[in-house]
Amino acid sequence: MRKTKQREVILRVLGEHIDHPSADTIYEEVRKFLPRISLGTVYRNLDIMSESGTIMKLETGGSIKRFDPVTVPHPHFRCVKCGAIEDLPFELNESLFSGSTDDWAHGRTIQNLNIEYSGLCINCNGSSSS
């Protein structure tokens, strides 16, 4: 993947987030640094970077695509009320995503791992009684 100014700014903006922003959110922030960039350019670069493994694209629960600068497989939590997505601090067994065809995989080659928990986040859980 070729290094471009657009990708550099997109990566910087994405790296400042812990909330796994959407392409639209990234676009709005990137425009502060590159006012002439188009939404299509941001989408195209996010796709290129996710396909190359530079970032992770999250397509969870039928919601809009979100992006994560952390590319090591890790579990996420999605709030069913507000839609927030956050990383969970659990370590995953590397053999689950090593691409191996060990006996447990029964001849399959694992290429990707996506573990998502869902429920109410801390904010919504506290306000669920209202």
N, C-alpha and C. Protein backbone atom coordinates (compact mmCIF):
# COMPACT_ATOMS: atom_id res chain seq x y z
N MET A 1 0.85 -1.17 0.00
CA MET A 1 0.00 0.00 0.00
C MET A 1 0.90 1.24 0.00
N ARG A 2 0.58 2.14 -0.89
CA ARG A 2 1.34 3.38 -1.03
C ARG A 2 0.97 4.35 0.09
N LYS A 3 1.97 5.05 0.61
CA LYS A 3 1.74 6.04 1.66
C LYS A 3 1.34 7.36 1.01
N THR A 4 0.18 7.89 1.41
CA THR A 4 -0.30 9.18 0.89
C THR A 4 -0.64 10.10 2.04
N LYS A 5 -0.73 11.38 1.75
CA LYS A 5 -1.09 12.37 2.77
C LYS A 5 -2.48 12.06 3.33
N GLN A 6 -3.43 11.67 2.44
CA GLN A 6 -4.79 11.37 2.89
C GLN A 6 -4.77 10.20 3.89
N ARG A 7 -4.05 9.14 3.57
CA ARG A 7 -4.01 7.97 4.45
C ARG A 7 -3.33 8.30 5.77
N GLU A 8 -2.30 9.13 5.69
CA GLU A 8 -1.60 9.54 6.91
C GLU A 8 -2.54 10.28 7.85
N VAL A 9 -3.32 11.22 7.31
CA VAL A 9 -4.25 12.00 8.14
C VAL A 9 -5.38 11.10 8.65
N ILE A 10 -5.90 10.23 7.81
CA ILE A 10 -6.96 9.30 8.24
C ILE A 10 -6.47 8.43 9.39
N LEU A 11 -5.27 7.90 9.28
CA LEU A 11 -4.70 7.07 10.35
C LEU A 11 -4.52 7.87 11.64
N ARG A 12 -4.06 9.11 11.51
CA ARG A 12 -3.88 9.95 12.70
C ARG A 12 -5.22 10.20 13.39
N VAL A 13 -6.23 10.55 12.60
CA VAL A 13 -7.57 10.80 13.16
C VAL A 13 -8.11 9.52 13.81
N LEU A 14 -8.00 8.41 13.13
CA LEU A 14 -8.50 7.14 13.67
C LEU A 14 -7.77 6.77 14.96
N GLY A 15 -6.46 7.02 15.01
CA GLY A 15 -5.67 6.70 16.19
C GLY A 15 -6.02 7.52 17.41
N GLU A 16 -6.70 8.65 17.21
CA GLU A 16 -7.11 9.50 18.32
C GLU A 16 -8.43 9.06 18.93
N HIS A 17 -9.04 8.03 18.36
CA HIS A 17 -10.35 7.56 18.83
C HIS A 17 -10.23 6.22 19.55
N ILE A 18 -11.05 6.05 20.58
CA ILE A 18 -11.19 4.73 21.20
C ILE A 18 -12.61 4.20 20.97
N ASP A 19 -13.42 4.99 20.28
CA ASP A 19 -14.83 4.65 20.12
C ASP A 19 -15.16 4.02 18.76
N HIS A 20 -14.15 3.64 17.98
CA HIS A 20 -14.38 2.97 16.70
C HIS A 20 -15.31 3.78 15.81
N PRO A 21 -14.83 4.91 15.31
CA PRO A 21 -15.69 5.83 14.55
C PRO A 21 -16.13 5.29 13.20
N SER A 22 -17.21 5.86 12.69
CA SER A 22 -17.71 5.54 11.35
C SER A 22 -16.91 6.33 10.33
N ALA A 23 -17.07 5.97 9.06
CA ALA A 23 -16.39 6.70 7.98
C ALA A 23 -16.84 8.17 7.97
N ASP A 24 -18.12 8.42 8.24
CA ASP A 24 -18.62 9.80 8.25
C ASP A 24 -17.95 10.64 9.34
N THR A 25 -17.77 10.05 10.51
CA THR A 25 -17.11 10.75 11.61
C THR A 25 -15.66 11.03 11.26
N ILE A 26 -14.98 10.03 10.70
CA ILE A 26 -13.59 10.21 10.28
C ILE A 26 -13.50 11.31 9.22
N TYR A 27 -14.41 11.29 8.26
CA TYR A 27 -14.44 12.29 7.20
C TYR A 27 -14.54 13.70 7.77
N GLU A 28 -15.46 13.91 8.71
CA GLU A 28 -15.65 15.24 9.29
C GLU A 28 -14.38 15.73 9.98
N GLU A 29 -13.66 14.84 10.63
CA GLU A 29 -12.44 15.25 11.33
C GLU A 29 -11.27 15.43 10.36
N VAL A 30 -11.19 14.58 9.34
CA VAL A 30 -10.12 14.70 8.35
C VAL A 30 -10.25 16.02 7.60
N ARG A 31 -11.47 16.48 7.37
CA ARG A 31 -11.69 17.75 6.65
C ARG A 31 -11.10 18.95 7.38
N LYS A 32 -10.89 18.84 8.67
CA LYS A 32 -10.25 19.93 9.42
C LYS A 32 -8.80 20.11 8.96
N PHE A 33 -8.18 19.02 8.50
CA PHE A 33 -6.78 19.06 8.04
C PHE A 33 -6.68 19.11 6.52
N LEU A 34 -7.64 18.48 5.84
CA LEU A 34 -7.67 18.43 4.37
C LEU A 34 -9.06 18.86 3.91
N PRO A 35 -9.33 20.15 3.87
CA PRO A 35 -10.69 20.66 3.59
C PRO A 35 -11.27 20.23 2.24
N ARG A 36 -10.42 19.91 1.28
CA ARG A 36 -10.92 19.57 -0.06
C ARG A 36 -11.12 18.08 -0.27
N ILE A 37 -10.86 17.26 0.74
CA ILE A 37 -11.01 15.81 0.58
C ILE A 37 -12.50 15.46 0.46
N SER A 38 -12.80 14.47 -0.36
CA SER A 38 -14.20 14.06 -0.54
C SER A 38 -14.51 12.86 0.35
N LEU A 39 -15.80 12.68 0.61
CA LEU A 39 -16.24 11.53 1.39
C LEU A 39 -15.86 10.23 0.68
N GLY A 40 -15.97 10.22 -0.64
CA GLY A 40 -15.61 9.04 -1.42
C GLY A 40 -14.14 8.67 -1.26
N THR A 41 -13.28 9.67 -1.19
CA THR A 41 -11.86 9.43 -1.00
C THR A 41 -11.61 8.81 0.37
N VAL A 42 -12.30 9.29 1.39
CA VAL A 42 -12.15 8.73 2.73
C VAL A 42 -12.62 7.28 2.73
N TYR A 43 -13.81 7.01 2.18
CA TYR A 43 -14.32 5.63 2.11
C TYR A 43 -13.34 4.72 1.36
N ARG A 44 -12.86 5.18 0.23
CA ARG A 44 -11.95 4.37 -0.59
C ARG A 44 -10.66 4.06 0.17
N ASN A 45 -10.11 5.06 0.85
CA ASN A 45 -8.88 4.84 1.60
C ASN A 45 -9.10 3.95 2.81
N LEU A 46 -10.24 4.08 3.48
CA LEU A 46 -10.55 3.18 4.60
C LEU A 46 -10.65 1.74 4.11
N ASP A 47 -11.27 1.53 2.96
CA ASP A 47 -11.36 0.17 2.39
C ASP A 47 -9.98 -0.38 2.04
N ILE A 48 -9.15 0.44 1.41
CA ILE A 48 -7.80 0.01 1.04
C ILE A 48 -7.00 -0.34 2.29
N MET A 49 -7.09 0.51 3.31
CA MET A 49 -6.32 0.27 4.53
C MET A 49 -6.82 -0.95 5.30
N SER A 50 -8.13 -1.20 5.27
CA SER A 50 -8.64 -2.40 5.95
C SER A 50 -8.28 -3.67 5.18
N GLU A 51 -8.31 -3.61 3.85
CA GLU A 51 -7.94 -4.76 3.05
C GLU A 51 -6.45 -5.09 3.18
N SER A 52 -5.63 -4.07 3.40
CA SER A 52 -4.19 -4.30 3.54
C SER A 52 -3.81 -4.70 4.97
N GLY A 53 -4.76 -4.60 5.91
CA GLY A 53 -4.47 -4.97 7.30
C GLY A 53 -3.91 -3.83 8.13
N THR A 54 -3.92 -2.62 7.60
CA THR A 54 -3.41 -1.46 8.33
C THR A 54 -4.38 -1.06 9.45
N ILE A 55 -5.67 -1.22 9.20
CA ILE A 55 -6.73 -0.95 10.17
C ILE A 55 -7.72 -2.11 10.12
N MET A 56 -8.63 -2.15 11.08
CA MET A 56 -9.66 -3.19 11.10
C MET A 56 -11.02 -2.55 10.83
N LYS A 57 -11.78 -3.17 9.93
CA LYS A 57 -13.15 -2.72 9.64
C LYS A 57 -14.08 -3.60 10.46
N LEU A 58 -14.98 -2.97 11.21
CA LEU A 58 -15.95 -3.69 12.02
C LEU A 58 -17.31 -3.59 11.36
N GLU A 59 -17.87 -4.73 11.03
CA GLU A 59 -19.22 -4.76 10.47
C GLU A 59 -20.04 -5.58 11.44
N THR A 60 -20.59 -4.89 12.42
CA THR A 60 -21.23 -5.58 13.54
C THR A 60 -22.73 -5.37 13.56
N GLY A 61 -23.43 -6.41 13.87
CA GLY A 61 -24.85 -6.34 14.16
C GLY A 61 -25.70 -5.54 13.19
N GLY A 62 -25.37 -5.55 11.90
CA GLY A 62 -26.18 -4.85 10.93
C GLY A 62 -26.06 -3.33 11.00
N SER A 63 -25.14 -2.84 11.82
CA SER A 63 -24.99 -1.39 11.94
C SER A 63 -24.01 -0.88 10.89
N ILE A 64 -23.78 0.41 10.92
CA ILE A 64 -22.84 1.00 9.97
C ILE A 64 -21.43 0.48 10.25
N LYS A 65 -20.59 0.53 9.25
CA LYS A 65 -19.21 0.08 9.40
C LYS A 65 -18.47 1.05 10.31
N ARG A 66 -17.68 0.49 11.19
CA ARG A 66 -16.85 1.27 12.10
C ARG A 66 -15.41 0.82 11.89
N PHE A 67 -14.47 1.62 12.34
CA PHE A 67 -13.07 1.34 12.08
C PHE A 67 -12.25 1.38 13.36
N ASP A 68 -11.24 0.51 13.41
CA ASP A 68 -10.43 0.32 14.60
C ASP A 68 -8.96 0.34 14.19
N PRO A 69 -8.13 1.16 14.85
CA PRO A 69 -6.71 1.16 14.50
C PRO A 69 -5.97 -0.06 15.04
N VAL A 70 -6.58 -0.80 15.96
CA VAL A 70 -5.95 -2.00 16.53
C VAL A 70 -6.27 -3.18 15.63
N THR A 71 -5.24 -3.76 15.02
CA THR A 71 -5.47 -4.83 14.04
C THR A 71 -5.28 -6.23 14.61
N VAL A 72 -4.76 -6.35 15.82
CA VAL A 72 -4.65 -7.66 16.46
C VAL A 72 -6.06 -8.09 16.85
N PRO A 73 -6.46 -9.32 16.53
CA PRO A 73 -7.81 -9.76 16.90
C PRO A 73 -8.07 -9.58 18.40
N HIS A 74 -9.19 -8.95 18.69
CA HIS A 74 -9.59 -8.71 20.08
C HIS A 74 -11.11 -8.57 20.12
N PRO A 75 -11.72 -8.89 21.27
CA PRO A 75 -13.17 -8.81 21.37
C PRO A 75 -13.68 -7.39 21.55
N HIS A 76 -14.91 -7.17 21.11
CA HIS A 76 -15.57 -5.88 21.22
C HIS A 76 -16.88 -6.03 21.98
N PHE A 77 -17.35 -4.93 22.53
CA PHE A 77 -18.65 -4.86 23.17
C PHE A 77 -19.46 -3.81 22.45
N ARG A 78 -20.68 -4.16 22.03
CA ARG A 78 -21.57 -3.22 21.33
C ARG A 78 -22.80 -2.99 22.19
N CYS A 79 -23.08 -1.72 22.47
CA CYS A 79 -24.27 -1.38 23.25
C CYS A 79 -25.49 -1.42 22.34
N VAL A 80 -26.49 -2.18 22.73
CA VAL A 80 -27.70 -2.32 21.91
C VAL A 80 -28.61 -1.10 22.02
N LYS A 81 -28.35 -0.22 22.99
CA LYS A 81 -29.18 0.97 23.16
C LYS A 81 -28.59 2.18 22.41
N CYS A 82 -27.32 2.49 22.64
CA CYS A 82 -26.73 3.70 22.03
C CYS A 82 -25.81 3.39 20.85
N GLY A 83 -25.46 2.13 20.65
CA GLY A 83 -24.62 1.75 19.52
C GLY A 83 -23.13 1.89 19.74
N ALA A 84 -22.72 2.29 20.94
CA ALA A 84 -21.29 2.44 21.23
C ALA A 84 -20.58 1.10 21.07
N ILE A 85 -19.36 1.17 20.57
CA ILE A 85 -18.52 -0.03 20.43
C ILE A 85 -17.22 0.24 21.16
N GLU A 86 -16.82 -0.69 22.01
CA GLU A 86 -15.58 -0.52 22.74
C GLU A 86 -14.81 -1.84 22.79
N ASP A 87 -13.48 -1.72 22.95
CA ASP A 87 -12.64 -2.90 23.09
C ASP A 87 -12.85 -3.50 24.47
N LEU A 88 -12.76 -4.82 24.55
CA LEU A 88 -12.78 -5.49 25.85
C LEU A 88 -11.36 -5.95 26.16
N PRO A 89 -10.97 -5.88 27.41
CA PRO A 89 -9.58 -6.18 27.78
C PRO A 89 -9.29 -7.67 27.98
N PHE A 90 -9.87 -8.52 27.14
CA PHE A 90 -9.63 -9.95 27.25
C PHE A 90 -8.55 -10.36 26.26
N GLU A 91 -7.66 -11.23 26.69
CA GLU A 91 -6.67 -11.77 25.77
C GLU A 91 -7.26 -13.00 25.09
N LEU A 92 -7.00 -13.12 23.80
CA LEU A 92 -7.48 -14.27 23.04
C LEU A 92 -6.35 -15.26 22.83
N ASN A 93 -6.70 -16.53 22.82
CA ASN A 93 -5.73 -17.58 22.55
C ASN A 93 -5.29 -17.47 21.10
N GLU A 94 -3.99 -17.29 20.86
CA GLU A 94 -3.49 -17.06 19.51
C GLU A 94 -3.85 -18.19 18.55
N SER A 95 -4.01 -19.41 19.04
CA SER A 95 -4.33 -20.52 18.15
C SER A 95 -5.72 -20.37 17.54
N LEU A 96 -6.56 -19.51 18.12
CA LEU A 96 -7.89 -19.29 17.55
C LEU A 96 -7.84 -18.53 16.23
N PHE A 97 -6.78 -17.75 16.02
CA PHE A 97 -6.71 -16.93 14.81
C PHE A 97 -5.39 -17.05 14.08
N SER A 98 -4.67 -18.12 14.31
CA SER A 98 -3.34 -18.25 13.72
C SER A 98 -3.37 -18.70 12.27
N GLY A 99 -4.55 -19.00 11.75
CA GLY A 99 -4.63 -19.47 10.37
C GLY A 99 -4.30 -20.94 10.25
N SER A 100 -4.11 -21.58 11.38
CA SER A 100 -3.71 -22.99 11.35
C SER A 100 -4.88 -23.88 10.97
N THR A 101 -4.53 -25.07 10.59
CA THR A 101 -5.55 -26.08 10.29
C THR A 101 -5.43 -27.20 11.32
N ASP A 102 -5.25 -26.80 12.60
CA ASP A 102 -5.14 -27.76 13.68
C ASP A 102 -6.38 -28.64 13.75
N ASP A 103 -6.30 -29.68 14.54
CA ASP A 103 -7.40 -30.64 14.66
C ASP A 103 -8.72 -29.97 15.02
N TRP A 104 -8.68 -28.95 15.89
CA TRP A 104 -9.93 -28.32 16.31
C TRP A 104 -10.63 -27.61 15.16
N ALA A 105 -9.89 -27.22 14.13
CA ALA A 105 -10.48 -26.52 12.99
C ALA A 105 -11.04 -27.49 11.95
N HIS A 106 -10.77 -28.78 12.12
CA HIS A 106 -11.30 -29.83 11.23
C HIS A 106 -11.02 -29.52 9.76
N GLY A 107 -9.76 -29.17 9.46
CA GLY A 107 -9.35 -28.94 8.07
C GLY A 107 -9.63 -27.55 7.54
N ARG A 108 -10.25 -26.70 8.33
CA ARG A 108 -10.55 -25.34 7.87
C ARG A 108 -9.33 -24.45 8.10
N THR A 109 -9.18 -23.42 7.29
CA THR A 109 -8.15 -22.42 7.51
C THR A 109 -8.82 -21.16 8.02
N ILE A 110 -8.47 -20.76 9.22
CA ILE A 110 -9.07 -19.58 9.84
C ILE A 110 -8.36 -18.34 9.29
N GLN A 111 -9.12 -17.40 8.74
CA GLN A 111 -8.55 -16.17 8.19
C GLN A 111 -8.90 -14.94 9.01
N ASN A 112 -9.96 -15.01 9.78
CA ASN A 112 -10.40 -13.85 10.53
C ASN A 112 -11.14 -14.31 11.77
N LEU A 113 -11.13 -13.46 12.78
CA LEU A 113 -11.83 -13.75 14.02
C LEU A 113 -12.57 -12.49 14.45
N ASN A 114 -13.84 -12.61 14.76
CA ASN A 114 -14.62 -11.47 15.21
C ASN A 114 -15.47 -11.93 16.39
N ILE A 115 -15.11 -11.47 17.57
CA ILE A 115 -15.89 -11.80 18.77
C ILE A 115 -16.53 -10.52 19.25
N GLU A 116 -17.84 -10.53 19.32
CA GLU A 116 -18.58 -9.34 19.75
C GLU A 116 -19.57 -9.72 20.83
N TYR A 117 -19.50 -9.02 21.93
CA TYR A 117 -20.48 -9.14 22.99
C TYR A 117 -21.44 -7.98 22.84
N SER A 118 -22.68 -8.15 23.24
CA SER A 118 -23.62 -7.04 23.17
C SER A 118 -24.44 -6.98 24.44
N GLY A 119 -24.95 -5.80 24.71
CA GLY A 119 -25.74 -5.56 25.91
C GLY A 119 -25.81 -4.06 26.13
N LEU A 120 -25.90 -3.66 27.39
CA LEU A 120 -25.97 -2.24 27.72
C LEU A 120 -24.61 -1.77 28.24
N CYS A 121 -24.12 -0.67 27.67
CA CYS A 121 -22.85 -0.11 28.13
C CYS A 121 -23.04 0.49 29.53
N ILE A 122 -21.94 0.95 30.10
CA ILE A 122 -22.00 1.50 31.47
C ILE A 122 -22.96 2.69 31.53
N ASN A 123 -22.91 3.58 30.54
CA ASN A 123 -23.80 4.76 30.55
C ASN A 123 -25.26 4.38 30.42
N CYS A 124 -25.57 3.49 29.45
CA CYS A 124 -26.96 3.11 29.25
C CYS A 124 -27.49 2.20 30.35
N ASN A 125 -26.63 1.41 30.93
CA ASN A 125 -27.03 0.53 32.02
C ASN A 125 -27.49 1.34 33.23
N GLY A 126 -26.82 2.45 33.47
CA GLY A 126 -27.18 3.32 34.57
C GLY A 126 -28.46 4.08 34.31
N SER A 127 -28.80 4.28 33.02
CA SER A 127 -30.01 5.05 32.69
C SER A 127 -31.14 4.16 32.22
N SER A 128 -30.97 2.84 32.28
CA SER A 128 -31.99 1.92 31.74
C SER A 128 -33.26 1.90 32.56
N SER A 129 -33.22 2.39 33.80
CA SER A 129 -34.41 2.36 34.63
C SER A 129 -35.29 3.58 34.42
N SER A 130 -34.83 4.54 33.59
CA SER A 130 -35.63 5.75 33.36
C SER A 130 -36.58 5.62 32.22
